[in-house]
Amino acid sequence: MKTVRVCLDSIDKVKGFVNDISRFNTDFDLISGRYVIDAKSIMGIFSLDLSKPIELTIHESDEIDEILKALQPYVVD
């Protein structure tokens, strides 16, 4: 399991993010406060506070390097 922080502060970023991670057969969770939602759910993402970075948990995957490369435009330090 790997955790990164992502910034999804616009509608276009959310759409691109969901499209990018949906290509992978891996489970992703977004965690904001006490809420945990499926990161592949556009409706779920819009239910979160998107004004600040959100924690993304990537569950076990053999494609972790490819996933991290696809996530690069959204990752913040």
PDB file of N, CA and C in Angstrom:
ATOM      1  N   MET A   1       0.839  -1.169   0.000  1.00  0.00           N
ATOM      2  CA  MET A   1       0.000   0.000   0.000  1.00  0.00           C
ATOM      3  C   MET A   1       0.893   1.243   0.000  1.00  0.00           C
ATOM      4  N   LYS A   2       0.516   2.239  -0.814  1.00  0.00           N
ATOM      5  CA  LYS A   2       1.290   3.468  -0.945  1.00  0.00           C
ATOM      6  C   LYS A   2       0.329   4.635  -0.775  1.00  0.00           C
ATOM      7  N   THR A   3       0.784   5.702  -0.104  1.00  0.00           N
ATOM      8  CA  THR A   3      -0.041   6.887   0.098  1.00  0.00           C
ATOM      9  C   THR A   3       0.670   8.111  -0.460  1.00  0.00           C
ATOM     10  N   VAL A   4      -0.070   8.916  -1.215  1.00  0.00           N
ATOM     11  CA  VAL A   4       0.437  10.187  -1.742  1.00  0.00           C
ATOM     12  C   VAL A   4      -0.639  11.242  -1.539  1.00  0.00           C
ATOM     13  N   ARG A   5      -0.228  12.519  -1.584  1.00  0.00           N
ATOM     14  CA  ARG A   5      -1.185  13.622  -1.491  1.00  0.00           C
ATOM     15  C   ARG A   5      -1.420  14.166  -2.889  1.00  0.00           C
ATOM     16  N   VAL A   6      -2.701  14.366  -3.232  1.00  0.00           N
ATOM     17  CA  VAL A   6      -3.057  14.871  -4.554  1.00  0.00           C
ATOM     18  C   VAL A   6      -3.889  16.144  -4.417  1.00  0.00           C
ATOM     19  N   CYS A   7      -3.777  16.989  -5.434  1.00  0.00           N
ATOM     20  CA  CYS A   7      -4.553  18.223  -5.495  1.00  0.00           C
ATOM     21  C   CYS A   7      -5.537  18.097  -6.661  1.00  0.00           C
ATOM     22  N   LEU A   8      -6.822  18.174  -6.353  1.00  0.00           N
ATOM     23  CA  LEU A   8      -7.881  18.050  -7.357  1.00  0.00           C
ATOM     24  C   LEU A   8      -8.778  19.289  -7.259  1.00  0.00           C
ATOM     25  N   ASP A   9      -8.196  20.453  -7.515  1.00  0.00           N
ATOM     26  CA  ASP A   9      -8.880  21.717  -7.255  1.00  0.00           C
ATOM     27  C   ASP A   9      -9.651  22.296  -8.441  1.00  0.00           C
ATOM     28  N   SER A  10      -9.913  21.479  -9.467  1.00  0.00           N
ATOM     29  CA  SER A  10     -10.750  21.945 -10.574  1.00  0.00           C
ATOM     30  C   SER A  10     -11.518  20.763 -11.160  1.00  0.00           C
ATOM     31  N   ILE A  11     -12.593  21.080 -11.856  1.00  0.00           N
ATOM     32  CA  ILE A  11     -13.413  20.028 -12.466  1.00  0.00           C
ATOM     33  C   ILE A  11     -12.594  19.237 -13.485  1.00  0.00           C
ATOM     34  N   ASP A  12     -11.779  19.941 -14.284  1.00  0.00           N
ATOM     35  CA  ASP A  12     -10.949  19.259 -15.284  1.00  0.00           C
ATOM     36  C   ASP A  12      -9.943  18.319 -14.640  1.00  0.00           C
ATOM     37  N   LYS A  13      -9.359  18.741 -13.507  1.00  0.00           N
ATOM     38  CA  LYS A  13      -8.410  17.860 -12.812  1.00  0.00           C
ATOM     39  C   LYS A  13      -9.107  16.608 -12.301  1.00  0.00           C
ATOM     40  N   VAL A  14     -10.306  16.764 -11.757  1.00  0.00           N
ATOM     41  CA  VAL A  14     -11.046  15.605 -11.240  1.00  0.00           C
ATOM     42  C   VAL A  14     -11.353  14.630 -12.379  1.00  0.00           C
ATOM     43  N   LYS A  15     -11.842  15.148 -13.504  1.00  0.00           N
ATOM     44  CA  LYS A  15     -12.154  14.286 -14.656  1.00  0.00           C
ATOM     45  C   LYS A  15     -10.901  13.560 -15.157  1.00  0.00           C
ATOM     46  N   GLY A  16      -9.803  14.294 -15.310  1.00  0.00           N
ATOM     47  CA  GLY A  16      -8.559  13.686 -15.770  1.00  0.00           C
ATOM     48  C   GLY A  16      -8.044  12.644 -14.799  1.00  0.00           C
ATOM     49  N   PHE A  17      -8.116  12.955 -13.503  1.00  0.00           N
ATOM     50  CA  PHE A  17      -7.667  12.039 -12.456  1.00  0.00           C
ATOM     51  C   PHE A  17      -8.439  10.726 -12.524  1.00  0.00           C
ATOM     52  N   VAL A  18      -9.769  10.808 -12.583  1.00  0.00           N
ATOM     53  CA  VAL A  18     -10.593   9.596 -12.621  1.00  0.00           C
ATOM     54  C   VAL A  18     -10.305   8.791 -13.896  1.00  0.00           C
ATOM     55  N   ASN A  19     -10.168   9.471 -15.025  1.00  0.00           N
ATOM     56  CA  ASN A  19      -9.832   8.772 -16.269  1.00  0.00           C
ATOM     57  C   ASN A  19      -8.479   8.072 -16.164  1.00  0.00           C
ATOM     58  N   ASP A  20      -7.489   8.750 -15.580  1.00  0.00           N
ATOM     59  CA  ASP A  20      -6.143   8.181 -15.472  1.00  0.00           C
ATOM     60  C   ASP A  20      -6.104   6.960 -14.565  1.00  0.00           C
ATOM     61  N   ILE A  21      -6.757   7.021 -13.401  1.00  0.00           N
ATOM     62  CA  ILE A  21      -6.669   5.873 -12.480  1.00  0.00           C
ATOM     63  C   ILE A  21      -7.607   4.742 -12.875  1.00  0.00           C
ATOM     64  N   SER A  22      -8.634   5.033 -13.652  1.00  0.00           N
ATOM     65  CA  SER A  22      -9.575   3.988 -14.056  1.00  0.00           C
ATOM     66  C   SER A  22      -8.940   2.977 -15.010  1.00  0.00           C
ATOM     67  N   ARG A  23      -7.814   3.331 -15.601  1.00  0.00           N
ATOM     68  CA  ARG A  23      -7.108   2.404 -16.501  1.00  0.00           C
ATOM     69  C   ARG A  23      -6.475   1.251 -15.742  1.00  0.00           C
ATOM     70  N   PHE A  24      -6.293   1.417 -14.435  1.00  0.00           N
ATOM     71  CA  PHE A  24      -5.589   0.407 -13.634  1.00  0.00           C
ATOM     72  C   PHE A  24      -6.578  -0.471 -12.871  1.00  0.00           C
ATOM     73  N   ASN A  25      -6.270  -1.772 -12.797  1.00  0.00           N
ATOM     74  CA  ASN A  25      -7.105  -2.722 -12.075  1.00  0.00           C
ATOM     75  C   ASN A  25      -6.620  -2.811 -10.623  1.00  0.00           C
ATOM     76  N   THR A  26      -6.700  -1.677  -9.947  1.00  0.00           N
ATOM     77  CA  THR A  26      -6.226  -1.541  -8.578  1.00  0.00           C
ATOM     78  C   THR A  26      -7.252  -0.722  -7.809  1.00  0.00           C
ATOM     79  N   ASP A  27      -7.337  -0.926  -6.501  1.00  0.00           N
ATOM     80  CA  ASP A  27      -8.240  -0.122  -5.682  1.00  0.00           C
ATOM     81  C   ASP A  27      -7.517   1.130  -5.205  1.00  0.00           C
ATOM     82  N   PHE A  28      -8.227   2.261  -5.258  1.00  0.00           N
ATOM     83  CA  PHE A  28      -7.713   3.548  -4.806  1.00  0.00           C
ATOM     84  C   PHE A  28      -8.734   4.149  -3.849  1.00  0.00           C
ATOM     85  N   ASP A  29      -8.273   4.708  -2.731  1.00  0.00           N
ATOM     86  CA  ASP A  29      -9.152   5.405  -1.792  1.00  0.00           C
ATOM     87  C   ASP A  29      -8.674   6.835  -1.630  1.00  0.00           C
ATOM     88  N   LEU A  30      -9.613   7.768  -1.547  1.00  0.00           N
ATOM     89  CA  LEU A  30      -9.296   9.148  -1.194  1.00  0.00           C
ATOM     90  C   LEU A  30      -9.770   9.367   0.229  1.00  0.00           C
ATOM     91  N   ILE A  31      -8.898   9.984   1.043  1.00  0.00           N
ATOM     92  CA  ILE A  31      -9.200  10.184   2.456  1.00  0.00           C
ATOM     93  C   ILE A  31      -9.137  11.675   2.755  1.00  0.00           C
ATOM     94  N   SER A  32     -10.259  12.208   3.232  1.00  0.00           N
ATOM     95  CA  SER A  32     -10.345  13.613   3.613  1.00  0.00           C
ATOM     96  C   SER A  32     -11.032  13.679   4.967  1.00  0.00           C
ATOM     97  N   GLY A  33     -10.267  13.969   6.001  1.00  0.00           N
ATOM     98  CA  GLY A  33     -10.827  13.953   7.350  1.00  0.00           C
ATOM     99  C   GLY A  33     -11.269  12.555   7.709  1.00  0.00           C
ATOM    100  N   ARG A  34     -12.518  12.422   8.068  1.00  0.00           N
ATOM    101  CA  ARG A  34     -13.022  11.088   8.445  1.00  0.00           C
ATOM    102  C   ARG A  34     -13.694  10.371   7.288  1.00  0.00           C
ATOM    103  N   TYR A  35     -13.706  10.995   6.111  1.00  0.00           N
ATOM    104  CA  TYR A  35     -14.337  10.400   4.940  1.00  0.00           C
ATOM    105  C   TYR A  35     -13.339   9.609   4.101  1.00  0.00           C
ATOM    106  N   VAL A  36     -13.740   8.414   3.696  1.00  0.00           N
ATOM    107  CA  VAL A  36     -12.945   7.579   2.791  1.00  0.00           C
ATOM    108  C   VAL A  36     -13.870   7.206   1.636  1.00  0.00           C
ATOM    109  N   ILE A  37     -13.450   7.582   0.414  1.00  0.00           N
ATOM    110  CA  ILE A  37     -14.287   7.280  -0.752  1.00  0.00           C
ATOM    111  C   ILE A  37     -13.454   6.569  -1.816  1.00  0.00           C
ATOM    112  N   ASP A  38     -14.149   5.892  -2.704  1.00  0.00           N
ATOM    113  CA  ASP A  38     -13.514   5.229  -3.849  1.00  0.00           C
ATOM    114  C   ASP A  38     -13.023   6.315  -4.795  1.00  0.00           C
ATOM    115  N   ALA A  39     -11.734   6.345  -5.078  1.00  0.00           N
ATOM    116  CA  ALA A  39     -11.150   7.400  -5.897  1.00  0.00           C
ATOM    117  C   ALA A  39     -11.576   7.325  -7.356  1.00  0.00           C
ATOM    118  N   LYS A  40     -12.201   6.224  -7.767  1.00  0.00           N
ATOM    119  CA  LYS A  40     -12.678   6.106  -9.144  1.00  0.00           C
ATOM    120  C   LYS A  40     -14.101   6.651  -9.293  1.00  0.00           C
ATOM    121  N   SER A  41     -14.676   7.162  -8.215  1.00  0.00           N
ATOM    122  CA  SER A  41     -16.041   7.675  -8.210  1.00  0.00           C
ATOM    123  C   SER A  41     -16.036   9.203  -8.317  1.00  0.00           C
ATOM    124  N   ILE A  42     -16.432   9.704  -9.475  1.00  0.00           N
ATOM    125  CA  ILE A  42     -16.471  11.160  -9.670  1.00  0.00           C
ATOM    126  C   ILE A  42     -17.437  11.803  -8.670  1.00  0.00           C
ATOM    127  N   MET A  43     -18.584  11.209  -8.457  1.00  0.00           N
ATOM    128  CA  MET A  43     -19.559  11.767  -7.510  1.00  0.00           C
ATOM    129  C   MET A  43     -18.993  11.767  -6.093  1.00  0.00           C
ATOM    130  N   GLY A  44     -18.295  10.704  -5.744  1.00  0.00           N
ATOM    131  CA  GLY A  44     -17.682  10.650  -4.424  1.00  0.00           C
ATOM    132  C   GLY A  44     -16.640  11.741  -4.237  1.00  0.00           C
ATOM    133  N   ILE A  45     -15.816  11.971  -5.257  1.00  0.00           N
ATOM    134  CA  ILE A  45     -14.775  12.997  -5.170  1.00  0.00           C
ATOM    135  C   ILE A  45     -15.405  14.372  -4.969  1.00  0.00           C
ATOM    136  N   PHE A  46     -16.470  14.660  -5.694  1.00  0.00           N
ATOM    137  CA  PHE A  46     -17.114  15.965  -5.566  1.00  0.00           C
ATOM    138  C   PHE A  46     -17.808  16.151  -4.220  1.00  0.00           C
ATOM    139  N   SER A  47     -17.949  15.093  -3.435  1.00  0.00           N
ATOM    140  CA  SER A  47     -18.534  15.229  -2.100  1.00  0.00           C
ATOM    141  C   SER A  47     -17.486  15.647  -1.068  1.00  0.00           C
ATOM    142  N   LEU A  48     -16.211  15.671  -1.481  1.00  0.00           N
ATOM    143  CA  LEU A  48     -15.117  16.044  -0.570  1.00  0.00           C
ATOM    144  C   LEU A  48     -14.782  17.528  -0.682  1.00  0.00           C
ATOM    145  N   ASP A  49     -14.051  18.031   0.313  1.00  0.00           N
ATOM    146  CA  ASP A  49     -13.538  19.399   0.277  1.00  0.00           C
ATOM    147  C   ASP A  49     -12.309  19.396  -0.626  1.00  0.00           C
ATOM    148  N   LEU A  50     -12.435  19.954  -1.820  1.00  0.00           N
ATOM    149  CA  LEU A  50     -11.351  19.921  -2.807  1.00  0.00           C
ATOM    150  C   LEU A  50     -10.465  21.164  -2.758  1.00  0.00           C
ATOM    151  N   SER A  51     -10.670  22.021  -1.761  1.00  0.00           N
ATOM    152  CA  SER A  51      -9.882  23.249  -1.675  1.00  0.00           C
ATOM    153  C   SER A  51      -8.469  23.015  -1.146  1.00  0.00           C
ATOM    154  N   LYS A  52      -8.229  21.826  -0.613  1.00  0.00           N
ATOM    155  CA  LYS A  52      -6.883  21.493  -0.108  1.00  0.00           C
ATOM    156  C   LYS A  52      -6.507  20.095  -0.580  1.00  0.00           C
ATOM    157  N   PRO A  53      -5.220  19.756  -0.531  1.00  0.00           N
ATOM    158  CA  PRO A  53      -4.797  18.416  -0.980  1.00  0.00           C
ATOM    159  C   PRO A  53      -5.478  17.293  -0.194  1.00  0.00           C
ATOM    160  N   ILE A  54      -5.654  16.166  -0.871  1.00  0.00           N
ATOM    161  CA  ILE A  54      -6.329  15.002  -0.309  1.00  0.00           C
ATOM    162  C   ILE A  54      -5.367  13.824  -0.343  1.00  0.00           C
ATOM    163  N   GLU A  55      -5.488  12.953   0.651  1.00  0.00           N
ATOM    164  CA  GLU A  55      -4.635  11.765   0.725  1.00  0.00           C
ATOM    165  C   GLU A  55      -5.197  10.668  -0.174  1.00  0.00           C
ATOM    166  N   LEU A  56      -4.343  10.124  -1.038  1.00  0.00           N
ATOM    167  CA  LEU A  56      -4.726   9.020  -1.920  1.00  0.00           C
ATOM    168  C   LEU A  56      -3.974   7.769  -1.493  1.00  0.00           C
ATOM    169  N   THR A  57      -4.718   6.704  -1.222  1.00  0.00           N
ATOM    170  CA  THR A  57      -4.117   5.422  -0.884  1.00  0.00           C
ATOM    171  C   THR A  57      -4.238   4.501  -2.088  1.00  0.00           C
ATOM    172  N   ILE A  58      -3.097   3.981  -2.513  1.00  0.00           N
ATOM    173  CA  ILE A  58      -3.044   3.035  -3.627  1.00  0.00           C
ATOM    174  C   ILE A  58      -2.844   1.654  -3.010  1.00  0.00           C
ATOM    175  N   HIS A  59      -3.790   0.763  -3.230  1.00  0.00           N
ATOM    176  CA  HIS A  59      -3.676  -0.579  -2.657  1.00  0.00           C
ATOM    177  C   HIS A  59      -2.688  -1.419  -3.470  1.00  0.00           C
ATOM    178  N   GLU A  60      -2.388  -2.591  -2.991  1.00  0.00           N
ATOM    179  CA  GLU A  60      -1.374  -3.457  -3.603  1.00  0.00           C
ATOM    180  C   GLU A  60      -1.527  -3.561  -5.117  1.00  0.00           C
ATOM    181  N   SER A  61      -0.418  -3.369  -5.826  1.00  0.00           N
ATOM    182  CA  SER A  61      -0.450  -3.441  -7.283  1.00  0.00           C
ATOM    183  C   SER A  61       0.933  -3.759  -7.827  1.00  0.00           C
ATOM    184  N   ASP A  62       0.957  -4.505  -8.917  1.00  0.00           N
ATOM    185  CA  ASP A  62       2.216  -4.779  -9.611  1.00  0.00           C
ATOM    186  C   ASP A  62       2.595  -3.614 -10.520  1.00  0.00           C
ATOM    187  N   GLU A  63       1.651  -2.687 -10.723  1.00  0.00           N
ATOM    188  CA  GLU A  63       1.861  -1.571 -11.642  1.00  0.00           C
ATOM    189  C   GLU A  63       2.174  -0.261 -10.927  1.00  0.00           C
ATOM    190  N   ILE A  64       2.698  -0.321  -9.722  1.00  0.00           N
ATOM    191  CA  ILE A  64       2.870   0.886  -8.903  1.00  0.00           C
ATOM    192  C   ILE A  64       3.690   1.968  -9.611  1.00  0.00           C
ATOM    193  N   ASP A  65       4.739   1.598 -10.322  1.00  0.00           N
ATOM    194  CA  ASP A  65       5.548   2.600 -11.016  1.00  0.00           C
ATOM    195  C   ASP A  65       4.751   3.303 -12.110  1.00  0.00           C
ATOM    196  N   GLU A  66       3.961   2.547 -12.861  1.00  0.00           N
ATOM    197  CA  GLU A  66       3.116   3.137 -13.909  1.00  0.00           C
ATOM    198  C   GLU A  66       2.037   4.032 -13.299  1.00  0.00           C
ATOM    199  N   ILE A  67       1.479   3.603 -12.187  1.00  0.00           N
ATOM    200  CA  ILE A  67       0.443   4.389 -11.510  1.00  0.00           C
ATOM    201  C   ILE A  67       1.017   5.717 -11.043  1.00  0.00           C
ATOM    202  N   LEU A  68       2.174   5.678 -10.387  1.00  0.00           N
ATOM    203  CA  LEU A  68       2.783   6.907  -9.893  1.00  0.00           C
ATOM    204  C   LEU A  68       3.134   7.857 -11.032  1.00  0.00           C
ATOM    205  N   LYS A  69       3.544   7.310 -12.165  1.00  0.00           N
ATOM    206  CA  LYS A  69       3.844   8.146 -13.331  1.00  0.00           C
ATOM    207  C   LYS A  69       2.565   8.821 -13.840  1.00  0.00           C
ATOM    208  N   ALA A  70       1.470   8.075 -13.907  1.00  0.00           N
ATOM    209  CA  ALA A  70       0.184   8.630 -14.362  1.00  0.00           C
ATOM    210  C   ALA A  70      -0.349   9.684 -13.405  1.00  0.00           C
ATOM    211  N   LEU A  71      -0.020   9.550 -12.127  1.00  0.00           N
ATOM    212  CA  LEU A  71      -0.518  10.476 -11.098  1.00  0.00           C
ATOM    213  C   LEU A  71       0.326  11.747 -10.965  1.00  0.00           C
ATOM    214  N   GLN A  72       1.462  11.786 -11.617  1.00  0.00           N
ATOM    215  CA  GLN A  72       2.398  12.900 -11.455  1.00  0.00           C
ATOM    216  C   GLN A  72       1.756  14.290 -11.565  1.00  0.00           C
ATOM    217  N   PRO A  73       0.842  14.541 -12.521  1.00  0.00           N
ATOM    218  CA  PRO A  73       0.246  15.890 -12.619  1.00  0.00           C
ATOM    219  C   PRO A  73      -0.598  16.299 -11.413  1.00  0.00           C
ATOM    220  N   TYR A  74      -0.977  15.339 -10.579  1.00  0.00           N
ATOM    221  CA  TYR A  74      -1.875  15.614  -9.464  1.00  0.00           C
ATOM    222  C   TYR A  74      -1.177  15.595  -8.107  1.00  0.00           C
ATOM    223  N   VAL A  75      -0.008  14.990  -8.028  1.00  0.00           N
ATOM    224  CA  VAL A  75       0.698  14.801  -6.758  1.00  0.00           C
ATOM    225  C   VAL A  75       1.299  16.121  -6.270  1.00  0.00           C
ATOM    226  N   VAL A  76       1.138  16.363  -4.965  1.00  0.00           N
ATOM    227  CA  VAL A  76       1.768  17.516  -4.316  1.00  0.00           C
ATOM    228  C   VAL A  76       2.627  17.004  -3.167  1.00  0.00           C
ATOM    229  N   ASP A  77       3.628  17.763  -2.807  1.00  0.00           N
ATOM    230  CA  ASP A  77       4.513  17.342  -1.698  1.00  0.00           C
ATOM    231  C   ASP A  77       4.008  17.846  -0.370  1.00  0.00           C
TER     232      ASP A  77
END
